[in-house]
Amino acid sequence: INYADSVKGRFTISRDNAKNTVYLQMNSLKP
């Protein structure tokens, strides 16, 4: 996994390889 510095600690990427699906959980969102 690689994150941009601006989102570290706030966003989480995950995936389900069997379903070929990726997710992005975004918390503490800013303008």
PDB file of all heavy atoms in Angstrom:
ATOM      1  N   ILE A   1       0.827  -1.198   0.000  1.00  0.00           N
ATOM      2  CA  ILE A   1       0.000   0.000   0.000  1.00  0.00           C
ATOM      3  C   ILE A   1       0.863   1.250   0.000  1.00  0.00           C
ATOM      4  O   ILE A   1       1.902   1.308   0.657  1.00  0.00           O
ATOM      5  CB  ILE A   1      -0.935  -0.001   1.225  1.00  0.00           C
ATOM      6  CG1 ILE A   1      -1.958  -1.126   1.110  1.00  0.00           C
ATOM      7  CG2 ILE A   1      -1.634   1.347   1.382  1.00  0.00           C
ATOM      8  CD1 ILE A   1      -2.795  -1.329   2.351  1.00  0.00           C
ATOM      9  N   ASN A   2       0.410   2.243  -0.729  1.00  0.00           N
ATOM     10  CA  ASN A   2       1.054   3.543  -0.761  1.00  0.00           C
ATOM     11  C   ASN A   2      -0.014   4.621  -0.632  1.00  0.00           C
ATOM     12  O   ASN A   2      -1.033   4.570  -1.320  1.00  0.00           O
ATOM     13  CB  ASN A   2       1.838   3.713  -2.064  1.00  0.00           C
ATOM     14  CG  ASN A   2       2.498   5.065  -2.182  1.00  0.00           C
ATOM     15  OD1 ASN A   2       2.204   5.838  -3.083  1.00  0.00           O
ATOM     16  ND2 ASN A   2       3.415   5.348  -1.259  1.00  0.00           N
ATOM     17  N   TYR A   3       0.226   5.607   0.243  1.00  0.00           N
ATOM     18  CA  TYR A   3      -0.689   6.726   0.450  1.00  0.00           C
ATOM     19  C   TYR A   3      -0.002   8.044   0.157  1.00  0.00           C
ATOM     20  O   TYR A   3       1.197   8.210   0.403  1.00  0.00           O
ATOM     21  CB  TYR A   3      -1.182   6.789   1.893  1.00  0.00           C
ATOM     22  CG  TYR A   3      -2.082   5.679   2.338  1.00  0.00           C
ATOM     23  CD1 TYR A   3      -1.608   4.675   3.169  1.00  0.00           C
ATOM     24  CD2 TYR A   3      -3.417   5.642   1.954  1.00  0.00           C
ATOM     25  CE1 TYR A   3      -2.436   3.657   3.608  1.00  0.00           C
ATOM     26  CE2 TYR A   3      -4.252   4.624   2.383  1.00  0.00           C
ATOM     27  CZ  TYR A   3      -3.757   3.635   3.212  1.00  0.00           C
ATOM     28  OH  TYR A   3      -4.592   2.625   3.645  1.00  0.00           O
ATOM     29  N   ALA A   4      -0.786   8.987  -0.320  1.00  0.00           N
ATOM     30  CA  ALA A   4      -0.317  10.360  -0.368  1.00  0.00           C
ATOM     31  C   ALA A   4      -0.164  10.884   1.058  1.00  0.00           C
ATOM     32  O   ALA A   4      -0.939  10.527   1.951  1.00  0.00           O
ATOM     33  CB  ALA A   4      -1.298  11.236  -1.140  1.00  0.00           C
ATOM     34  N   ASP A   5       0.830  11.741   1.271  1.00  0.00           N
ATOM     35  CA  ASP A   5       1.053  12.282   2.610  1.00  0.00           C
ATOM     36  C   ASP A   5      -0.178  13.011   3.148  1.00  0.00           C
ATOM     37  O   ASP A   5      -0.448  12.987   4.353  1.00  0.00           O
ATOM     38  CB  ASP A   5       2.242  13.238   2.605  1.00  0.00           C
ATOM     39  CG  ASP A   5       3.564  12.516   2.460  1.00  0.00           C
ATOM     40  OD1 ASP A   5       3.625  11.299   2.707  1.00  0.00           O
ATOM     41  OD2 ASP A   5       4.554  13.189   2.102  1.00  0.00           O
ATOM     42  N   SER A   6      -0.924  13.638   2.271  1.00  0.00           N
ATOM     43  CA  SER A   6      -2.061  14.441   2.691  1.00  0.00           C
ATOM     44  C   SER A   6      -3.217  13.619   3.259  1.00  0.00           C
ATOM     45  O   SER A   6      -4.098  14.179   3.924  1.00  0.00           O
ATOM     46  CB  SER A   6      -2.571  15.282   1.519  1.00  0.00           C
ATOM     47  OG  SER A   6      -2.957  14.456   0.436  1.00  0.00           O
ATOM     48  N   VAL A   7      -3.225  12.310   3.013  1.00  0.00           N
ATOM     49  CA  VAL A   7      -4.335  11.484   3.481  1.00  0.00           C
ATOM     50  C   VAL A   7      -3.907  10.436   4.490  1.00  0.00           C
ATOM     51  O   VAL A   7      -4.766   9.720   5.025  1.00  0.00           O
ATOM     52  CB  VAL A   7      -5.072  10.806   2.309  1.00  0.00           C
ATOM     53  CG1 VAL A   7      -5.487  11.832   1.268  1.00  0.00           C
ATOM     54  CG2 VAL A   7      -4.219   9.712   1.679  1.00  0.00           C
ATOM     55  N   LYS A   8      -2.628  10.329   4.778  1.00  0.00           N
ATOM     56  CA  LYS A   8      -2.158   9.337   5.742  1.00  0.00           C
ATOM     57  C   LYS A   8      -2.814   9.556   7.100  1.00  0.00           C
ATOM     58  O   LYS A   8      -2.898  10.670   7.593  1.00  0.00           O
ATOM     59  CB  LYS A   8      -0.641   9.409   5.880  1.00  0.00           C
ATOM     60  CG  LYS A   8       0.110   8.852   4.688  1.00  0.00           C
ATOM     61  CD  LYS A   8       1.617   8.949   4.884  1.00  0.00           C
ATOM     62  CE  LYS A   8       2.364   8.379   3.696  1.00  0.00           C
ATOM     63  NZ  LYS A   8       3.830   8.538   3.839  1.00  0.00           N
ATOM     64  N   GLY A   9      -3.273   8.466   7.677  1.00  0.00           N
ATOM     65  CA  GLY A   9      -3.939   8.530   8.963  1.00  0.00           C
ATOM     66  C   GLY A   9      -5.414   8.819   8.885  1.00  0.00           C
ATOM     67  O   GLY A   9      -6.119   8.684   9.895  1.00  0.00           O
ATOM     68  N   ARG A  10      -5.906   9.199   7.722  1.00  0.00           N
ATOM     69  CA  ARG A  10      -7.320   9.516   7.555  1.00  0.00           C
ATOM     70  C   ARG A  10      -8.017   8.571   6.576  1.00  0.00           C
ATOM     71  O   ARG A  10      -9.184   8.241   6.779  1.00  0.00           O
ATOM     72  CB  ARG A  10      -7.499  10.949   7.068  1.00  0.00           C
ATOM     73  CG  ARG A  10      -6.927  11.998   8.006  1.00  0.00           C
ATOM     74  CD  ARG A  10      -7.328  13.401   7.576  1.00  0.00           C
ATOM     75  NE  ARG A  10      -6.791  13.730   6.250  1.00  0.00           N
ATOM     76  CZ  ARG A  10      -7.539  14.077   5.205  1.00  0.00           C
ATOM     77  NH1 ARG A  10      -8.862  14.129   5.321  1.00  0.00           N
ATOM     78  NH2 ARG A  10      -6.968  14.378   4.049  1.00  0.00           N
ATOM     79  N   PHE A  11      -7.313   8.163   5.531  1.00  0.00           N
ATOM     80  CA  PHE A  11      -7.893   7.297   4.508  1.00  0.00           C
ATOM     81  C   PHE A  11      -7.299   5.901   4.620  1.00  0.00           C
ATOM     82  O   PHE A  11      -6.124   5.732   4.981  1.00  0.00           O
ATOM     83  CB  PHE A  11      -7.588   7.822   3.098  1.00  0.00           C
ATOM     84  CG  PHE A  11      -8.277   9.103   2.732  1.00  0.00           C
ATOM     85  CD1 PHE A  11      -8.967   9.864   3.662  1.00  0.00           C
ATOM     86  CD2 PHE A  11      -8.227   9.552   1.417  1.00  0.00           C
ATOM     87  CE1 PHE A  11      -9.597  11.049   3.313  1.00  0.00           C
ATOM     88  CE2 PHE A  11      -8.851  10.732   1.048  1.00  0.00           C
ATOM     89  CZ  PHE A  11      -9.532  11.477   1.996  1.00  0.00           C
ATOM     90  N   THR A  12      -8.098   4.910   4.267  1.00  0.00           N
ATOM     91  CA  THR A  12      -7.648   3.530   4.256  1.00  0.00           C
ATOM     92  C   THR A  12      -8.088   2.868   2.961  1.00  0.00           C
ATOM     93  O   THR A  12      -9.276   2.872   2.632  1.00  0.00           O
ATOM     94  CB  THR A  12      -8.205   2.738   5.446  1.00  0.00           C
ATOM     95  OG1 THR A  12      -7.819   3.367   6.670  1.00  0.00           O
ATOM     96  CG2 THR A  12      -7.669   1.307   5.430  1.00  0.00           C
ATOM     97  N   ILE A  13      -7.136   2.292   2.236  1.00  0.00           N
ATOM     98  CA  ILE A  13      -7.455   1.556   1.028  1.00  0.00           C
ATOM     99  C   ILE A  13      -7.442   0.066   1.342  1.00  0.00           C
ATOM    100  O   ILE A  13      -6.618  -0.414   2.128  1.00  0.00           O
ATOM    101  CB  ILE A  13      -6.477   1.890  -0.120  1.00  0.00           C
ATOM    102  CG1 ILE A  13      -6.968   1.297  -1.445  1.00  0.00           C
ATOM    103  CG2 ILE A  13      -5.063   1.437   0.204  1.00  0.00           C
ATOM    104  CD1 ILE A  13      -6.189   1.789  -2.662  1.00  0.00           C
ATOM    105  N   SER A  14      -8.353  -0.654   0.738  1.00  0.00           N
ATOM    106  CA  SER A  14      -8.410  -2.099   0.901  1.00  0.00           C
ATOM    107  C   SER A  14      -8.936  -2.709  -0.388  1.00  0.00           C
ATOM    108  O   SER A  14      -9.443  -1.998  -1.261  1.00  0.00           O
ATOM    109  CB  SER A  14      -9.291  -2.496   2.094  1.00  0.00           C
ATOM    110  OG  SER A  14     -10.619  -2.036   1.919  1.00  0.00           O
ATOM    111  N   ARG A  15      -8.790  -4.021  -0.500  1.00  0.00           N
ATOM    112  CA  ARG A  15      -9.239  -4.661  -1.733  1.00  0.00           C
ATOM    113  C   ARG A  15      -9.711  -6.076  -1.478  1.00  0.00           C
ATOM    114  O   ARG A  15      -9.347  -6.701  -0.484  1.00  0.00           O
ATOM    115  CB  ARG A  15      -8.137  -4.645  -2.802  1.00  0.00           C
ATOM    116  CG  ARG A  15      -7.172  -5.835  -2.788  1.00  0.00           C
ATOM    117  CD  ARG A  15      -6.213  -5.781  -1.633  1.00  0.00           C
ATOM    118  NE  ARG A  15      -5.194  -6.823  -1.736  1.00  0.00           N
ATOM    119  CZ  ARG A  15      -4.868  -7.653  -0.757  1.00  0.00           C
ATOM    120  NH1 ARG A  15      -5.463  -7.559   0.436  1.00  0.00           N
ATOM    121  NH2 ARG A  15      -3.924  -8.566  -0.945  1.00  0.00           N
ATOM    122  N   ASP A  16     -10.518  -6.549  -2.395  1.00  0.00           N
ATOM    123  CA  ASP A  16     -10.959  -7.924  -2.429  1.00  0.00           C
ATOM    124  C   ASP A  16     -10.546  -8.448  -3.800  1.00  0.00           C
ATOM    125  O   ASP A  16     -11.216  -8.189  -4.798  1.00  0.00           O
ATOM    126  CB  ASP A  16     -12.466  -8.026  -2.226  1.00  0.00           C
ATOM    127  CG  ASP A  16     -12.956  -9.452  -2.145  1.00  0.00           C
ATOM    128  OD1 ASP A  16     -12.301 -10.356  -2.687  1.00  0.00           O
ATOM    129  OD2 ASP A  16     -14.021  -9.672  -1.531  1.00  0.00           O
ATOM    130  N   ASN A  17      -9.433  -9.159  -3.849  1.00  0.00           N
ATOM    131  CA  ASN A  17      -8.911  -9.624  -5.129  1.00  0.00           C
ATOM    132  C   ASN A  17      -9.863 -10.591  -5.833  1.00  0.00           C
ATOM    133  O   ASN A  17      -9.950 -10.596  -7.064  1.00  0.00           O
ATOM    134  CB  ASN A  17      -7.551 -10.296  -4.939  1.00  0.00           C
ATOM    135  CG  ASN A  17      -6.451  -9.306  -4.643  1.00  0.00           C
ATOM    136  OD1 ASN A  17      -6.529  -8.130  -5.010  1.00  0.00           O
ATOM    137  ND2 ASN A  17      -5.399  -9.775  -3.989  1.00  0.00           N
ATOM    138  N   ALA A  18     -10.551 -11.404  -5.067  1.00  0.00           N
ATOM    139  CA  ALA A  18     -11.482 -12.355  -5.659  1.00  0.00           C
ATOM    140  C   ALA A  18     -12.617 -11.654  -6.385  1.00  0.00           C
ATOM    141  O   ALA A  18     -13.133 -12.162  -7.387  1.00  0.00           O
ATOM    142  CB  ALA A  18     -12.036 -13.294  -4.597  1.00  0.00           C
ATOM    143  N   LYS A  19     -13.020 -10.499  -5.873  1.00  0.00           N
ATOM    144  CA  LYS A  19     -14.103  -9.729  -6.481  1.00  0.00           C
ATOM    145  C   LYS A  19     -13.600  -8.609  -7.376  1.00  0.00           C
ATOM    146  O   LYS A  19     -14.414  -7.874  -7.939  1.00  0.00           O
ATOM    147  CB  LYS A  19     -15.000  -9.149  -5.389  1.00  0.00           C
ATOM    148  CG  LYS A  19     -15.708 -10.193  -4.546  1.00  0.00           C
ATOM    149  CD  LYS A  19     -16.628  -9.536  -3.527  1.00  0.00           C
ATOM    150  CE  LYS A  19     -17.308 -10.569  -2.660  1.00  0.00           C
ATOM    151  NZ  LYS A  19     -18.229 -11.433  -3.454  1.00  0.00           N
ATOM    152  N   ASN A  20     -12.280  -8.462  -7.477  1.00  0.00           N
ATOM    153  CA  ASN A  20     -11.686  -7.377  -8.263  1.00  0.00           C
ATOM    154  C   ASN A  20     -12.264  -6.023  -7.868  1.00  0.00           C
ATOM    155  O   ASN A  20     -12.634  -5.208  -8.721  1.00  0.00           O
ATOM    156  CB  ASN A  20     -11.877  -7.637  -9.756  1.00  0.00           C
ATOM    157  CG  ASN A  20     -11.062  -8.817 -10.249  1.00  0.00           C
ATOM    158  OD1 ASN A  20      -9.991  -9.102  -9.732  1.00  0.00           O
ATOM    159  ND2 ASN A  20     -11.568  -9.506 -11.257  1.00  0.00           N
ATOM    160  N   THR A  21     -12.316  -5.794  -6.580  1.00  0.00           N
ATOM    161  CA  THR A  21     -12.906  -4.584  -6.038  1.00  0.00           C
ATOM    162  C   THR A  21     -11.935  -3.918  -5.070  1.00  0.00           C
ATOM    163  O   THR A  21     -11.267  -4.598  -4.288  1.00  0.00           O
ATOM    164  CB  THR A  21     -14.230  -4.896  -5.318  1.00  0.00           C
ATOM    165  OG1 THR A  21     -15.148  -5.473  -6.254  1.00  0.00           O
ATOM    166  CG2 THR A  21     -14.847  -3.631  -4.733  1.00  0.00           C
ATOM    167  N   VAL A  22     -11.868  -2.604  -5.126  1.00  0.00           N
ATOM    168  CA  VAL A  22     -11.048  -1.826  -4.213  1.00  0.00           C
ATOM    169  C   VAL A  22     -11.932  -0.809  -3.513  1.00  0.00           C
ATOM    170  O   VAL A  22     -12.906  -0.310  -4.092  1.00  0.00           O
ATOM    171  CB  VAL A  22      -9.873  -1.148  -4.949  1.00  0.00           C
ATOM    172  CG1 VAL A  22     -10.373  -0.090  -5.928  1.00  0.00           C
ATOM    173  CG2 VAL A  22      -8.887  -0.550  -3.961  1.00  0.00           C
ATOM    174  N   TYR A  23     -11.591  -0.504  -2.255  1.00  0.00           N
ATOM    175  CA  TYR A  23     -12.359   0.421  -1.441  1.00  0.00           C
ATOM    176  C   TYR A  23     -11.450   1.527  -0.919  1.00  0.00           C
ATOM    177  O   TYR A  23     -10.250   1.333  -0.742  1.00  0.00           O
ATOM    178  CB  TYR A  23     -12.989  -0.299  -0.246  1.00  0.00           C
ATOM    179  CG  TYR A  23     -13.790  -1.517  -0.620  1.00  0.00           C
ATOM    180  CD1 TYR A  23     -13.206  -2.782  -0.607  1.00  0.00           C
ATOM    181  CD2 TYR A  23     -15.120  -1.409  -1.000  1.00  0.00           C
ATOM    182  CE1 TYR A  23     -13.935  -3.905  -0.954  1.00  0.00           C
ATOM    183  CE2 TYR A  23     -15.852  -2.524  -1.353  1.00  0.00           C
ATOM    184  CZ  TYR A  23     -15.262  -3.775  -1.329  1.00  0.00           C
ATOM    185  OH  TYR A  23     -15.998  -4.886  -1.679  1.00  0.00           O
ATOM    186  N   LEU A  24     -12.047   2.656  -0.656  1.00  0.00           N
ATOM    187  CA  LEU A  24     -11.341   3.755  -0.015  1.00  0.00           C
ATOM    188  C   LEU A  24     -12.225   4.298   1.098  1.00  0.00           C
ATOM    189  O   LEU A  24     -13.239   4.942   0.824  1.00  0.00           O
ATOM    190  CB  LEU A  24     -10.998   4.861  -1.009  1.00  0.00           C
ATOM    191  CG  LEU A  24     -10.140   5.996  -0.457  1.00  0.00           C
ATOM    192  CD1 LEU A  24      -8.730   5.496  -0.139  1.00  0.00           C
ATOM    193  CD2 LEU A  24     -10.085   7.167  -1.429  1.00  0.00           C
ATOM    194  N   GLN A  25     -11.842   4.020   2.330  1.00  0.00           N
ATOM    195  CA  GLN A  25     -12.534   4.565   3.486  1.00  0.00           C
ATOM    196  C   GLN A  25     -11.913   5.908   3.820  1.00  0.00           C
ATOM    197  O   GLN A  25     -10.716   5.987   4.101  1.00  0.00           O
ATOM    198  CB  GLN A  25     -12.419   3.617   4.681  1.00  0.00           C
ATOM    199  CG  GLN A  25     -13.082   4.124   5.947  1.00  0.00           C
ATOM    200  CD  GLN A  25     -14.577   4.215   5.826  1.00  0.00           C
ATOM    201  OE1 GLN A  25     -15.223   3.290   5.341  1.00  0.00           O
ATOM    202  NE2 GLN A  25     -15.148   5.336   6.246  1.00  0.00           N
ATOM    203  N   MET A  26     -12.711   6.953   3.790  1.00  0.00           N
ATOM    204  CA  MET A  26     -12.233   8.309   4.001  1.00  0.00           C
ATOM    205  C   MET A  26     -12.856   8.854   5.278  1.00  0.00           C
ATOM    206  O   MET A  26     -14.072   9.030   5.357  1.00  0.00           O
ATOM    207  CB  MET A  26     -12.578   9.201   2.815  1.00  0.00           C
ATOM    208  CG  MET A  26     -12.071   8.668   1.478  1.00  0.00           C
ATOM    209  SD  MET A  26     -12.348   9.824   0.108  1.00  0.00           S
ATOM    210  CE  MET A  26     -14.148   9.806   0.051  1.00  0.00           C
ATOM    211  N   ASN A  27     -12.024   9.126   6.258  1.00  0.00           N
ATOM    212  CA  ASN A  27     -12.462   9.674   7.532  1.00  0.00           C
ATOM    213  C   ASN A  27     -11.862  11.056   7.741  1.00  0.00           C
ATOM    214  O   ASN A  27     -10.893  11.434   7.089  1.00  0.00           O
ATOM    215  CB  ASN A  27     -12.052   8.750   8.684  1.00  0.00           C
ATOM    216  CG  ASN A  27     -12.665   7.380   8.606  1.00  0.00           C
ATOM    217  OD1 ASN A  27     -13.799   7.217   8.149  1.00  0.00           O
ATOM    218  ND2 ASN A  27     -11.927   6.369   9.069  1.00  0.00           N
ATOM    219  N   SER A  28     -12.431  11.786   8.682  1.00  0.00           N
ATOM    220  CA  SER A  28     -11.938  13.122   9.021  1.00  0.00           C
ATOM    221  C   SER A  28     -11.764  13.978   7.778  1.00  0.00           C
ATOM    222  O   SER A  28     -10.731  14.631   7.577  1.00  0.00           O
ATOM    223  CB  SER A  28     -10.622  13.019   9.797  1.00  0.00           C
ATOM    224  OG  SER A  28     -10.780  12.256  10.979  1.00  0.00           O
ATOM    225  N   LEU A  29     -12.775  13.990   6.949  1.00  0.00           N
ATOM    226  CA  LEU A  29     -12.677  14.682   5.673  1.00  0.00           C
ATOM    227  C   LEU A  29     -12.551  16.188   5.857  1.00  0.00           C
ATOM    228  O   LEU A  29     -13.143  16.774   6.765  1.00  0.00           O
ATOM    229  CB  LEU A  29     -13.887  14.357   4.809  1.00  0.00           C
ATOM    230  CG  LEU A  29     -13.827  12.973   4.154  1.00  0.00           C
ATOM    231  CD1 LEU A  29     -15.211  12.527   3.705  1.00  0.00           C
ATOM    232  CD2 LEU A  29     -12.864  12.989   2.969  1.00  0.00           C
ATOM    233  N   LYS A  30     -11.776  16.774   4.965  1.00  0.00           N
ATOM    234  CA  LYS A  30     -11.510  18.204   4.965  1.00  0.00           C
ATOM    235  C   LYS A  30     -12.006  18.818   3.665  1.00  0.00           C
ATOM    236  O   LYS A  30     -12.100  18.128   2.654  1.00  0.00           O
ATOM    237  CB  LYS A  30     -10.008  18.466   5.102  1.00  0.00           C
ATOM    238  CG  LYS A  30      -9.356  17.832   6.307  1.00  0.00           C
ATOM    239  CD  LYS A  30      -7.844  18.043   6.260  1.00  0.00           C
ATOM    240  CE  LYS A  30      -7.165  17.402   7.449  1.00  0.00           C
ATOM    241  NZ  LYS A  30      -5.690  17.588   7.396  1.00  0.00           N
ATOM    242  N   PRO A  31     -12.282  20.110   3.658  1.00  0.00           N
ATOM    243  CA  PRO A  31     -12.659  20.757   2.397  1.00  0.00           C
ATOM    244  C   PRO A  31     -11.631  20.545   1.292  1.00  0.00           C
ATOM    245  O   PRO A  31     -12.011  20.469   0.116  1.00  0.00           O
ATOM    246  CB  PRO A  31     -12.774  22.235   2.785  1.00  0.00           C
ATOM    247  CG  PRO A  31     -13.170  22.204   4.220  1.00  0.00           C
ATOM    248  CD  PRO A  31     -12.428  21.031   4.803  1.00  0.00           C
TER     249      PRO A  31
END
